[in-house]
Amino acid sequence: MRTDEVGDCRDVLQKLPRRMHEWMPRLAEEGVVGADAIFACLGPALEIFSPYSRVEKAGGDAVTLKEYLEQVWAAVAKEALTMIFAGADATGFEEDARLTAMWLWTLSAGYANGNGDGTEEEEAEDEAEDGGKRAKSAGFVLEYDAARKIAQGLGAHLENLSNVVEVSGEQARLLPVAERARHLFGKDEGKVTQPGRKMREAQMDLFKVLQEVEETTPSFGETKVGRVGETVLDRIHQSMIPFAAGRGEAMKRLLVEDGVGRDQRFWRLAQALAALYPTGTDERRWVEGVLARKRGLGL
């Protein structure tokens, strides 16, 4: 440590993205991704900050280590998005898509190493104190603090994404697509299924939601989806649900007649999600099914 040298915050922060750009691809080549890659970047990032006895802002205030680590998370998130959306400009996607991609990427080390996939696709039951069963919730789970840091690094706000993320105590859960069905098709203001239900029940709920939509919006069954999603992620999930429910014509109308499939961001994000969703999950199977229809639909 240079005990007599003060660092300039601007210089330190200018070096940080370059250091992350050097390390992240290197780690990826070694198979270190997700949460493991994020924590592996802390050392190289601190090498920029720690040689100084003090790092100061323009006004002379000291930059705390906590403040610097928040900048590290932001730099890691930005570089990770560049890797996830290789050859594409990640800034073209809304915050829900960026958060979903980073969330799944963060969990990917667990999938690759077989240490648990962070999701419960079937009801996992534990013995409760009263002798009954306690069911774990479905979804892609992170510790709340990690989820908050990822969101902050992406310029996203968890409180504004309640139809994508559910926060409960010390955990945050990226909602499965099946639980987003009612929100996506305008039913019950985004109400989700209760945590702990078996995924086969959530799967049946897809049929129920689509039936409700058809009853209240005749155009869904005859012409087009009544409400096209506001974001690219919403539109991808809207296309996945008819595919999952065996409503190929409804999916075709959404992609072709509603023009959703003419947005190249749709296919770039779908391709990224197909790689990010864990093998064997409904989400991966459904988005791969949508991608497989692209050529046949003339898109």
C-alpha atoms as a PDB file:
ATOM      1  CA  MET A   1       0.000   0.000   0.000  1.00  0.00           C
ATOM      2  CA  ARG A   2       1.158   3.496  -0.823  1.00  0.00           C
ATOM      3  CA  THR A   3       0.598   5.035   2.592  1.00  0.00           C
ATOM      4  CA  ASP A   4       1.403   8.503   1.336  1.00  0.00           C
ATOM      5  CA  GLU A   5      -0.497   8.471  -1.949  1.00  0.00           C
ATOM      6  CA  VAL A   6      -4.100   9.499  -2.574  1.00  0.00           C
ATOM      7  CA  GLY A   7      -5.929   8.049  -5.542  1.00  0.00           C
ATOM      8  CA  ASP A   8      -8.278   9.941  -7.827  1.00  0.00           C
ATOM      9  CA  CYS A   9     -11.729   8.364  -7.980  1.00  0.00           C
ATOM     10  CA  ARG A  10     -12.088   9.174 -11.680  1.00  0.00           C
ATOM     11  CA  ASP A  11      -8.819   7.418 -12.552  1.00  0.00           C
ATOM     12  CA  VAL A  12      -9.733   4.361 -10.490  1.00  0.00           C
ATOM     13  CA  LEU A  13     -13.194   4.060 -12.058  1.00  0.00           C
ATOM     14  CA  GLN A  14     -11.755   4.473 -15.562  1.00  0.00           C
ATOM     15  CA  LYS A  15      -9.435   1.517 -14.980  1.00  0.00           C
ATOM     16  CA  LEU A  16     -12.145  -0.716 -13.542  1.00  0.00           C
ATOM     17  CA  PRO A  17     -14.083  -1.553 -16.770  1.00  0.00           C
ATOM     18  CA  ARG A  18     -10.835  -2.290 -18.587  1.00  0.00           C
ATOM     19  CA  ARG A  19      -9.754  -4.673 -15.838  1.00  0.00           C
ATOM     20  CA  MET A  20     -13.123  -6.451 -15.923  1.00  0.00           C
ATOM     21  CA  HIS A  21     -12.899  -6.696 -19.717  1.00  0.00           C
ATOM     22  CA  GLU A  22      -9.541  -8.429 -19.296  1.00  0.00           C
ATOM     23  CA  TRP A  23     -10.696 -10.854 -16.636  1.00  0.00           C
ATOM     24  CA  MET A  24     -14.240 -11.874 -17.508  1.00  0.00           C
ATOM     25  CA  PRO A  25     -13.486 -13.516 -20.889  1.00  0.00           C
ATOM     26  CA  ARG A  26     -10.425 -15.160 -19.353  1.00  0.00           C
ATOM     27  CA  LEU A  27     -12.540 -16.655 -16.589  1.00  0.00           C
ATOM     28  CA  ALA A  28     -15.181 -17.780 -19.075  1.00  0.00           C
ATOM     29  CA  GLU A  29     -12.544 -19.623 -21.095  1.00  0.00           C
ATOM     30  CA  GLU A  30     -11.643 -21.520 -17.929  1.00  0.00           C
ATOM     31  CA  GLY A  31     -15.292 -22.399 -17.336  1.00  0.00           C
ATOM     32  CA  VAL A  32     -15.707 -19.943 -14.455  1.00  0.00           C
ATOM     33  CA  VAL A  33     -19.059 -18.209 -14.905  1.00  0.00           C
ATOM     34  CA  GLY A  34     -21.969 -16.878 -12.913  1.00  0.00           C
ATOM     35  CA  ALA A  35     -21.505 -16.180  -9.223  1.00  0.00           C
ATOM     36  CA  ASP A  36     -18.045 -17.765  -9.244  1.00  0.00           C
ATOM     37  CA  ALA A  37     -16.901 -15.298 -11.919  1.00  0.00           C
ATOM     38  CA  ILE A  38     -18.347 -12.342 -10.028  1.00  0.00           C
ATOM     39  CA  PHE A  39     -16.431 -13.183  -6.871  1.00  0.00           C
ATOM     40  CA  ALA A  40     -13.300 -14.077  -8.828  1.00  0.00           C
ATOM     41  CA  CYS A  41     -13.308 -10.508 -10.176  1.00  0.00           C
ATOM     42  CA  LEU A  42     -13.171  -8.952  -6.724  1.00  0.00           C
ATOM     43  CA  GLY A  43      -9.435  -9.553  -6.359  1.00  0.00           C
ATOM     44  CA  PRO A  44      -8.441  -7.902  -9.657  1.00  0.00           C
ATOM     45  CA  ALA A  45     -10.834  -5.051  -8.928  1.00  0.00           C
ATOM     46  CA  LEU A  46      -9.355  -4.432  -5.484  1.00  0.00           C
ATOM     47  CA  GLU A  47      -5.869  -4.330  -6.986  1.00  0.00           C
ATOM     48  CA  ILE A  48      -6.888  -1.010  -8.542  1.00  0.00           C
ATOM     49  CA  PHE A  49      -8.282   0.424  -5.322  1.00  0.00           C
ATOM     50  CA  SER A  50      -6.094  -0.974  -2.542  1.00  0.00           C
ATOM     51  CA  PRO A  51      -2.636   0.447  -3.442  1.00  0.00           C
ATOM     52  CA  TYR A  52      -3.786   3.869  -2.258  1.00  0.00           C
ATOM     53  CA  SER A  53      -4.091   4.935   1.330  1.00  0.00           C
ATOM     54  CA  ARG A  54      -7.185   6.860   0.319  1.00  0.00           C
ATOM     55  CA  VAL A  55      -9.240   7.332  -2.843  1.00  0.00           C
ATOM     56  CA  GLU A  56     -10.965  10.691  -3.112  1.00  0.00           C
ATOM     57  CA  LYS A  57     -13.852  12.093  -5.101  1.00  0.00           C
ATOM     58  CA  ALA A  58     -13.585  15.443  -6.873  1.00  0.00           C
ATOM     59  CA  GLY A  59     -14.837  17.256  -3.770  1.00  0.00           C
ATOM     60  CA  GLY A  60     -12.247  15.652  -1.523  1.00  0.00           C
ATOM     61  CA  ASP A  61     -14.554  13.121   0.149  1.00  0.00           C
ATOM     62  CA  ALA A  62     -13.143   9.643   0.576  1.00  0.00           C
ATOM     63  CA  VAL A  63     -14.552   6.764  -1.464  1.00  0.00           C
ATOM     64  CA  THR A  64     -15.482   3.966   0.950  1.00  0.00           C
ATOM     65  CA  LEU A  65     -14.803   0.357   0.130  1.00  0.00           C
ATOM     66  CA  LYS A  66     -18.553  -0.278   0.146  1.00  0.00           C
ATOM     67  CA  GLU A  67     -19.089   2.426  -2.475  1.00  0.00           C
ATOM     68  CA  TYR A  68     -16.287   1.028  -4.600  1.00  0.00           C
ATOM     69  CA  LEU A  69     -17.669  -2.513  -4.456  1.00  0.00           C
ATOM     70  CA  GLU A  70     -20.992  -1.206  -5.755  1.00  0.00           C
ATOM     71  CA  GLN A  71     -19.077   0.137  -8.764  1.00  0.00           C
ATOM     72  CA  VAL A  72     -17.377  -3.249  -9.139  1.00  0.00           C
ATOM     73  CA  TRP A  73     -20.772  -4.981  -9.337  1.00  0.00           C
ATOM     74  CA  ALA A  74     -21.866  -2.507 -11.998  1.00  0.00           C
ATOM     75  CA  ALA A  75     -18.706  -3.075 -14.057  1.00  0.00           C
ATOM     76  CA  VAL A  76     -19.018  -6.860 -13.742  1.00  0.00           C
ATOM     77  CA  ALA A  77     -22.696  -6.721 -14.749  1.00  0.00           C
ATOM     78  CA  LYS A  78     -21.960  -4.603 -17.814  1.00  0.00           C
ATOM     79  CA  GLU A  79     -19.146  -6.883 -18.966  1.00  0.00           C
ATOM     80  CA  ALA A  80     -21.222 -10.010 -18.296  1.00  0.00           C
ATOM     81  CA  LEU A  81     -24.069  -8.636 -20.423  1.00  0.00           C
ATOM     82  CA  THR A  82     -21.587  -8.017 -23.238  1.00  0.00           C
ATOM     83  CA  MET A  83     -20.603 -11.683 -23.039  1.00  0.00           C
ATOM     84  CA  ILE A  84     -24.175 -12.971 -22.706  1.00  0.00           C
ATOM     85  CA  PHE A  85     -25.401 -10.955 -25.691  1.00  0.00           C
ATOM     86  CA  ALA A  86     -22.319 -11.553 -27.821  1.00  0.00           C
ATOM     87  CA  GLY A  87     -22.363  -9.276 -30.843  1.00  0.00           C
ATOM     88  CA  ALA A  88     -25.462  -7.440 -29.658  1.00  0.00           C
ATOM     89  CA  ASP A  89     -25.980  -4.178 -27.850  1.00  0.00           C
ATOM     90  CA  ALA A  90     -27.391  -5.108 -24.446  1.00  0.00           C
ATOM     91  CA  THR A  91     -28.550  -1.534 -23.914  1.00  0.00           C
ATOM     92  CA  GLY A  92     -31.289  -2.250 -26.467  1.00  0.00           C
ATOM     93  CA  PHE A  93     -33.086  -4.446 -23.942  1.00  0.00           C
ATOM     94  CA  GLU A  94     -35.279  -3.201 -21.128  1.00  0.00           C
ATOM     95  CA  GLU A  95     -34.296  -3.660 -17.497  1.00  0.00           C
ATOM     96  CA  ASP A  96     -36.417  -6.797 -17.001  1.00  0.00           C
ATOM     97  CA  ALA A  97     -34.521  -8.592 -19.787  1.00  0.00           C
ATOM     98  CA  ARG A  98     -31.117  -7.450 -18.538  1.00  0.00           C
ATOM     99  CA  LEU A  99     -31.953  -8.536 -15.002  1.00  0.00           C
ATOM    100  CA  THR A 100     -33.312 -11.922 -16.111  1.00  0.00           C
ATOM    101  CA  ALA A 101     -30.205 -12.639 -18.196  1.00  0.00           C
ATOM    102  CA  MET A 102     -27.814 -11.643 -15.412  1.00  0.00           C
ATOM    103  CA  TRP A 103     -29.862 -13.541 -12.820  1.00  0.00           C
ATOM    104  CA  LEU A 104     -29.712 -16.773 -14.798  1.00  0.00           C
ATOM    105  CA  TRP A 105     -26.043 -16.226 -15.641  1.00  0.00           C
ATOM    106  CA  THR A 106     -25.260 -15.721 -11.944  1.00  0.00           C
ATOM    107  CA  LEU A 107     -26.900 -19.046 -11.142  1.00  0.00           C
ATOM    108  CA  SER A 108     -25.225 -20.850 -14.036  1.00  0.00           C
ATOM    109  CA  ALA A 109     -22.165 -21.931 -12.053  1.00  0.00           C
ATOM    110  CA  GLY A 110     -24.441 -23.953  -9.796  1.00  0.00           C
ATOM    111  CA  TYR A 111     -26.055 -25.640 -12.811  1.00  0.00           C
ATOM    112  CA  ALA A 112     -22.746 -26.430 -14.478  1.00  0.00           C
ATOM    113  CA  ASN A 113     -21.215 -27.876 -11.331  1.00  0.00           C
ATOM    114  CA  GLY A 114     -24.247 -29.910 -10.368  1.00  0.00           C
ATOM    115  CA  ASN A 115     -24.538 -28.132  -7.023  1.00  0.00           C
ATOM    116  CA  GLY A 116     -28.254 -27.517  -7.302  1.00  0.00           C
ATOM    117  CA  ASP A 117     -29.999 -25.540  -9.941  1.00  0.00           C
ATOM    118  CA  GLY A 118     -31.661 -22.871  -7.841  1.00  0.00           C
ATOM    119  CA  THR A 119     -35.094 -23.885  -9.130  1.00  0.00           C
ATOM    120  CA  GLU A 120     -37.764 -26.267  -7.965  1.00  0.00           C
ATOM    121  CA  GLU A 121     -39.634 -27.605 -10.966  1.00  0.00           C
ATOM    122  CA  GLU A 122     -41.443 -30.176  -8.927  1.00  0.00           C
ATOM    123  CA  GLU A 123     -42.722 -29.899  -5.382  1.00  0.00           C
ATOM    124  CA  ALA A 124     -39.824 -30.520  -2.999  1.00  0.00           C
ATOM    125  CA  GLU A 125     -41.279 -31.417   0.348  1.00  0.00           C
ATOM    126  CA  ASP A 126     -39.624 -31.175   3.766  1.00  0.00           C
ATOM    127  CA  GLU A 127     -40.942 -32.394   7.062  1.00  0.00           C
ATOM    128  CA  ALA A 128     -42.524 -29.540   9.005  1.00  0.00           C
ATOM    129  CA  GLU A 129     -42.491 -29.283  12.794  1.00  0.00           C
ATOM    130  CA  ASP A 130     -46.163 -30.224  12.981  1.00  0.00           C
ATOM    131  CA  GLY A 131     -45.516 -33.456  11.096  1.00  0.00           C
ATOM    132  CA  GLY A 132     -46.932 -32.114   7.849  1.00  0.00           C
ATOM    133  CA  LYS A 133     -45.161 -31.239   4.634  1.00  0.00           C
ATOM    134  CA  ARG A 134     -43.608 -27.947   3.686  1.00  0.00           C
ATOM    135  CA  ALA A 135     -43.212 -27.232  -0.021  1.00  0.00           C
ATOM    136  CA  LYS A 136     -40.427 -25.154  -1.496  1.00  0.00           C
ATOM    137  CA  SER A 137     -41.338 -22.457  -3.969  1.00  0.00           C
ATOM    138  CA  ALA A 138     -40.707 -22.751  -7.672  1.00  0.00           C
ATOM    139  CA  GLY A 139     -38.454 -20.330  -9.444  1.00  0.00           C
ATOM    140  CA  PHE A 140     -34.856 -19.224  -9.724  1.00  0.00           C
ATOM    141  CA  VAL A 141     -33.702 -18.152  -6.270  1.00  0.00           C
ATOM    142  CA  LEU A 142     -30.892 -15.837  -5.177  1.00  0.00           C
ATOM    143  CA  GLU A 143     -30.083 -14.250  -1.859  1.00  0.00           C
ATOM    144  CA  TYR A 144     -31.800 -10.895  -1.722  1.00  0.00           C
ATOM    145  CA  ASP A 145     -28.580  -8.940  -1.253  1.00  0.00           C
ATOM    146  CA  ALA A 146     -27.005 -10.555  -4.327  1.00  0.00           C
ATOM    147  CA  ALA A 147     -30.147  -9.877  -6.356  1.00  0.00           C
ATOM    148  CA  ARG A 148     -30.200  -6.251  -5.187  1.00  0.00           C
ATOM    149  CA  LYS A 149     -26.566  -5.735  -6.178  1.00  0.00           C
ATOM    150  CA  ILE A 150     -27.118  -7.270  -9.601  1.00  0.00           C
ATOM    151  CA  ALA A 151     -30.149  -5.055 -10.166  1.00  0.00           C
ATOM    152  CA  GLN A 152     -28.304  -1.979  -8.973  1.00  0.00           C
ATOM    153  CA  GLY A 153     -25.358  -2.738 -11.255  1.00  0.00           C
ATOM    154  CA  LEU A 154     -27.766  -2.915 -14.190  1.00  0.00           C
ATOM    155  CA  GLY A 155     -29.587   0.268 -13.304  1.00  0.00           C
ATOM    156  CA  ALA A 156     -32.709  -1.741 -12.490  1.00  0.00           C
ATOM    157  CA  HIS A 157     -34.913  -1.541  -9.405  1.00  0.00           C
ATOM    158  CA  LEU A 158     -36.409  -4.690  -7.903  1.00  0.00           C
ATOM    159  CA  GLU A 159     -39.368  -2.773  -6.512  1.00  0.00           C
ATOM    160  CA  ASN A 160     -40.363  -1.828 -10.069  1.00  0.00           C
ATOM    161  CA  LEU A 161     -40.199  -5.420 -11.302  1.00  0.00           C
ATOM    162  CA  SER A 162     -42.698  -7.143  -9.027  1.00  0.00           C
ATOM    163  CA  ASN A 163     -44.191  -9.012 -12.006  1.00  0.00           C
ATOM    164  CA  VAL A 164     -40.758 -10.553 -12.678  1.00  0.00           C
ATOM    165  CA  VAL A 165     -39.196 -10.892  -9.224  1.00  0.00           C
ATOM    166  CA  GLU A 166     -40.732 -11.833  -5.880  1.00  0.00           C
ATOM    167  CA  VAL A 167     -38.893 -10.821  -2.704  1.00  0.00           C
ATOM    168  CA  SER A 168     -39.534 -12.782   0.462  1.00  0.00           C
ATOM    169  CA  GLY A 169     -37.351 -12.200   3.498  1.00  0.00           C
ATOM    170  CA  GLU A 170     -33.709 -12.844   2.659  1.00  0.00           C
ATOM    171  CA  GLN A 171     -34.481 -14.450  -0.684  1.00  0.00           C
ATOM    172  CA  ALA A 172     -35.501 -13.145  -4.076  1.00  0.00           C
ATOM    173  CA  ARG A 173     -37.133 -15.328  -6.681  1.00  0.00           C
ATOM    174  CA  LEU A 174     -37.173 -14.883 -10.449  1.00  0.00           C
ATOM    175  CA  LEU A 175     -40.696 -15.995 -11.298  1.00  0.00           C
ATOM    176  CA  PRO A 176     -41.171 -18.976 -13.616  1.00  0.00           C
ATOM    177  CA  VAL A 177     -42.913 -18.182 -16.902  1.00  0.00           C
ATOM    178  CA  ALA A 178     -45.951 -20.240 -15.867  1.00  0.00           C
ATOM    179  CA  GLU A 179     -46.534 -17.929 -12.905  1.00  0.00           C
ATOM    180  CA  ARG A 180     -46.381 -14.862 -15.164  1.00  0.00           C
ATOM    181  CA  ALA A 181     -49.192 -16.063 -17.427  1.00  0.00           C
ATOM    182  CA  ARG A 182     -51.954 -14.025 -15.810  1.00  0.00           C
ATOM    183  CA  HIS A 183     -49.905 -10.840 -15.893  1.00  0.00           C
ATOM    184  CA  LEU A 184     -48.828 -11.389 -19.490  1.00  0.00           C
ATOM    185  CA  PHE A 185     -52.366 -11.869 -20.762  1.00  0.00           C
ATOM    186  CA  GLY A 186     -53.970  -9.189 -18.623  1.00  0.00           C
ATOM    187  CA  LYS A 187     -55.676 -11.408 -16.087  1.00  0.00           C
ATOM    188  CA  ASP A 188     -55.812 -10.620 -12.349  1.00  0.00           C
ATOM    189  CA  GLU A 189     -53.238  -7.821 -12.512  1.00  0.00           C
ATOM    190  CA  GLY A 190     -50.253 -10.138 -12.617  1.00  0.00           C
ATOM    191  CA  LYS A 191     -51.416 -12.497  -9.881  1.00  0.00           C
ATOM    192  CA  VAL A 192     -49.105 -15.496  -9.588  1.00  0.00           C
ATOM    193  CA  THR A 193     -49.702 -19.030  -8.415  1.00  0.00           C
ATOM    194  CA  GLN A 194     -49.030 -19.709  -4.756  1.00  0.00           C
ATOM    195  CA  PRO A 195     -45.470 -20.844  -3.931  1.00  0.00           C
ATOM    196  CA  GLY A 196     -45.227 -24.568  -3.346  1.00  0.00           C
ATOM    197  CA  ARG A 197     -47.631 -25.778  -5.997  1.00  0.00           C
ATOM    198  CA  LYS A 198     -46.338 -28.508  -8.210  1.00  0.00           C
ATOM    199  CA  MET A 199     -45.170 -27.430 -11.621  1.00  0.00           C
ATOM    200  CA  ARG A 200     -47.696 -29.714 -13.270  1.00  0.00           C
ATOM    201  CA  GLU A 201     -50.392 -27.617 -11.567  1.00  0.00           C
ATOM    202  CA  ALA A 202     -48.757 -24.452 -12.893  1.00  0.00           C
ATOM    203  CA  GLN A 203     -48.682 -26.112 -16.305  1.00  0.00           C
ATOM    204  CA  MET A 204     -52.406 -26.761 -16.078  1.00  0.00           C
ATOM    205  CA  ASP A 205     -52.823 -23.114 -15.084  1.00  0.00           C
ATOM    206  CA  LEU A 206     -51.494 -22.123 -18.504  1.00  0.00           C
ATOM    207  CA  PHE A 207     -54.475 -23.785 -20.130  1.00  0.00           C
ATOM    208  CA  LYS A 208     -56.808 -22.139 -17.619  1.00  0.00           C
ATOM    209  CA  VAL A 209     -55.366 -18.675 -18.239  1.00  0.00           C
ATOM    210  CA  LEU A 210     -55.546 -19.058 -22.014  1.00  0.00           C
ATOM    211  CA  GLN A 211     -59.118 -20.292 -21.750  1.00  0.00           C
ATOM    212  CA  GLU A 212     -60.021 -17.256 -19.639  1.00  0.00           C
ATOM    213  CA  VAL A 213     -58.367 -14.962 -22.167  1.00  0.00           C
ATOM    214  CA  GLU A 214     -60.252 -16.573 -25.035  1.00  0.00           C
ATOM    215  CA  GLU A 215     -63.555 -16.214 -23.164  1.00  0.00           C
ATOM    216  CA  THR A 216     -63.041 -12.515 -22.381  1.00  0.00           C
ATOM    217  CA  THR A 217     -61.074 -11.625 -25.531  1.00  0.00           C
ATOM    218  CA  PRO A 218     -62.477 -13.562 -28.499  1.00  0.00           C
ATOM    219  CA  SER A 219     -59.735 -12.219 -30.744  1.00  0.00           C
ATOM    220  CA  PHE A 220     -57.192 -14.382 -28.912  1.00  0.00           C
ATOM    221  CA  GLY A 221     -58.662 -17.568 -30.265  1.00  0.00           C
ATOM    222  CA  GLU A 222     -59.598 -16.153 -33.640  1.00  0.00           C
ATOM    223  CA  THR A 223     -57.204 -13.414 -34.656  1.00  0.00           C
ATOM    224  CA  LYS A 224     -54.524 -12.284 -32.237  1.00  0.00           C
ATOM    225  CA  VAL A 225     -53.425 -11.921 -28.621  1.00  0.00           C
ATOM    226  CA  GLY A 226     -55.507  -9.224 -26.955  1.00  0.00           C
ATOM    227  CA  ARG A 227     -52.542  -7.417 -25.379  1.00  0.00           C
ATOM    228  CA  VAL A 228     -49.002  -7.532 -26.706  1.00  0.00           C
ATOM    229  CA  GLY A 229     -46.377  -7.311 -23.974  1.00  0.00           C
ATOM    230  CA  GLU A 230     -44.727  -3.972 -23.266  1.00  0.00           C
ATOM    231  CA  THR A 231     -41.167  -5.316 -23.142  1.00  0.00           C
ATOM    232  CA  VAL A 232     -39.194  -7.762 -25.269  1.00  0.00           C
ATOM    233  CA  LEU A 233     -39.041 -10.213 -22.354  1.00  0.00           C
ATOM    234  CA  ASP A 234     -42.817 -10.053 -21.907  1.00  0.00           C
ATOM    235  CA  ARG A 235     -43.342 -10.759 -25.599  1.00  0.00           C
ATOM    236  CA  ILE A 236     -40.989 -13.739 -25.512  1.00  0.00           C
ATOM    237  CA  HIS A 237     -42.808 -15.163 -22.509  1.00  0.00           C
ATOM    238  CA  GLN A 238     -46.136 -14.517 -24.248  1.00  0.00           C
ATOM    239  CA  SER A 239     -44.959 -16.615 -27.197  1.00  0.00           C
ATOM    240  CA  MET A 240     -43.655 -19.397 -24.941  1.00  0.00           C
ATOM    241  CA  ILE A 241     -46.988 -19.898 -23.185  1.00  0.00           C
ATOM    242  CA  PRO A 242     -49.096 -20.713 -26.284  1.00  0.00           C
ATOM    243  CA  PHE A 243     -46.298 -23.040 -27.401  1.00  0.00           C
ATOM    244  CA  ALA A 244     -46.400 -24.796 -24.020  1.00  0.00           C
ATOM    245  CA  ALA A 245     -50.200 -25.053 -24.204  1.00  0.00           C
ATOM    246  CA  GLY A 246     -50.117 -26.477 -27.735  1.00  0.00           C
ATOM    247  CA  ARG A 247     -51.693 -23.331 -29.240  1.00  0.00           C
ATOM    248  CA  GLY A 248     -49.449 -23.104 -32.287  1.00  0.00           C
ATOM    249  CA  GLU A 249     -51.810 -20.866 -34.241  1.00  0.00           C
ATOM    250  CA  ALA A 250     -52.024 -18.376 -31.394  1.00  0.00           C
ATOM    251  CA  MET A 251     -48.240 -18.253 -31.217  1.00  0.00           C
ATOM    252  CA  LYS A 252     -48.059 -17.768 -34.990  1.00  0.00           C
ATOM    253  CA  ARG A 253     -50.518 -14.872 -34.867  1.00  0.00           C
ATOM    254  CA  LEU A 254     -48.513 -13.189 -32.123  1.00  0.00           C
ATOM    255  CA  LEU A 255     -45.206 -13.546 -33.963  1.00  0.00           C
ATOM    256  CA  VAL A 256     -46.415 -12.860 -37.510  1.00  0.00           C
ATOM    257  CA  GLU A 257     -49.662 -10.891 -37.546  1.00  0.00           C
ATOM    258  CA  ASP A 258     -48.918  -8.822 -34.457  1.00  0.00           C
ATOM    259  CA  GLY A 259     -45.383  -8.289 -35.767  1.00  0.00           C
ATOM    260  CA  VAL A 260     -43.621  -9.404 -32.602  1.00  0.00           C
ATOM    261  CA  GLY A 261     -41.304 -11.697 -34.543  1.00  0.00           C
ATOM    262  CA  ARG A 262     -40.094  -8.869 -36.799  1.00  0.00           C
ATOM    263  CA  ASP A 263     -38.185  -7.272 -33.944  1.00  0.00           C
ATOM    264  CA  GLN A 264     -34.657  -8.714 -34.084  1.00  0.00           C
ATOM    265  CA  ARG A 265     -34.215  -7.981 -30.384  1.00  0.00           C
ATOM    266  CA  PHE A 266     -36.866 -10.641 -29.783  1.00  0.00           C
ATOM    267  CA  TRP A 267     -34.744 -13.357 -31.403  1.00  0.00           C
ATOM    268  CA  ARG A 268     -31.463 -12.160 -29.865  1.00  0.00           C
ATOM    269  CA  LEU A 269     -32.944 -12.285 -26.395  1.00  0.00           C
ATOM    270  CA  ALA A 270     -34.689 -15.607 -27.060  1.00  0.00           C
ATOM    271  CA  GLN A 271     -31.393 -17.115 -28.220  1.00  0.00           C
ATOM    272  CA  ALA A 272     -29.627 -15.862 -25.087  1.00  0.00           C
ATOM    273  CA  LEU A 273     -32.367 -17.199 -22.821  1.00  0.00           C
ATOM    274  CA  ALA A 274     -32.229 -20.587 -24.544  1.00  0.00           C
ATOM    275  CA  ALA A 275     -28.581 -20.796 -23.518  1.00  0.00           C
ATOM    276  CA  LEU A 276     -29.151 -19.412 -20.014  1.00  0.00           C
ATOM    277  CA  TYR A 277     -32.183 -21.380 -18.842  1.00  0.00           C
ATOM    278  CA  PRO A 278     -31.002 -24.621 -17.193  1.00  0.00           C
ATOM    279  CA  THR A 279     -31.220 -27.834 -19.182  1.00  0.00           C
ATOM    280  CA  GLY A 280     -34.401 -29.736 -18.425  1.00  0.00           C
ATOM    281  CA  THR A 281     -36.473 -26.742 -17.337  1.00  0.00           C
ATOM    282  CA  ASP A 282     -39.799 -25.925 -18.936  1.00  0.00           C
ATOM    283  CA  GLU A 283     -38.527 -22.464 -19.824  1.00  0.00           C
ATOM    284  CA  ARG A 284     -35.644 -23.810 -21.875  1.00  0.00           C
ATOM    285  CA  ARG A 285     -37.824 -26.308 -23.690  1.00  0.00           C
ATOM    286  CA  TRP A 286     -40.451 -23.688 -24.468  1.00  0.00           C
ATOM    287  CA  VAL A 287     -38.106 -20.972 -25.729  1.00  0.00           C
ATOM    288  CA  GLU A 288     -36.250 -23.525 -27.866  1.00  0.00           C
ATOM    289  CA  GLY A 289     -39.626 -24.506 -29.309  1.00  0.00           C
ATOM    290  CA  VAL A 290     -40.344 -20.893 -30.240  1.00  0.00           C
ATOM    291  CA  LEU A 291     -36.899 -20.537 -31.829  1.00  0.00           C
ATOM    292  CA  ALA A 292     -37.455 -23.701 -33.841  1.00  0.00           C
ATOM    293  CA  ARG A 293     -40.569 -22.143 -35.421  1.00  0.00           C
ATOM    294  CA  LYS A 294     -38.750 -19.026 -36.652  1.00  0.00           C
ATOM    295  CA  ARG A 295     -37.766 -20.260 -40.109  1.00  0.00           C
ATOM    296  CA  GLY A 296     -41.078 -21.998 -40.715  1.00  0.00           C
ATOM    297  CA  LEU A 297     -42.871 -18.719 -40.050  1.00  0.00           C
ATOM    298  CA  GLY A 298     -40.748 -16.880 -42.581  1.00  0.00           C
ATOM    299  CA  LEU A 299     -39.010 -14.797 -39.931  1.00  0.00           C
END
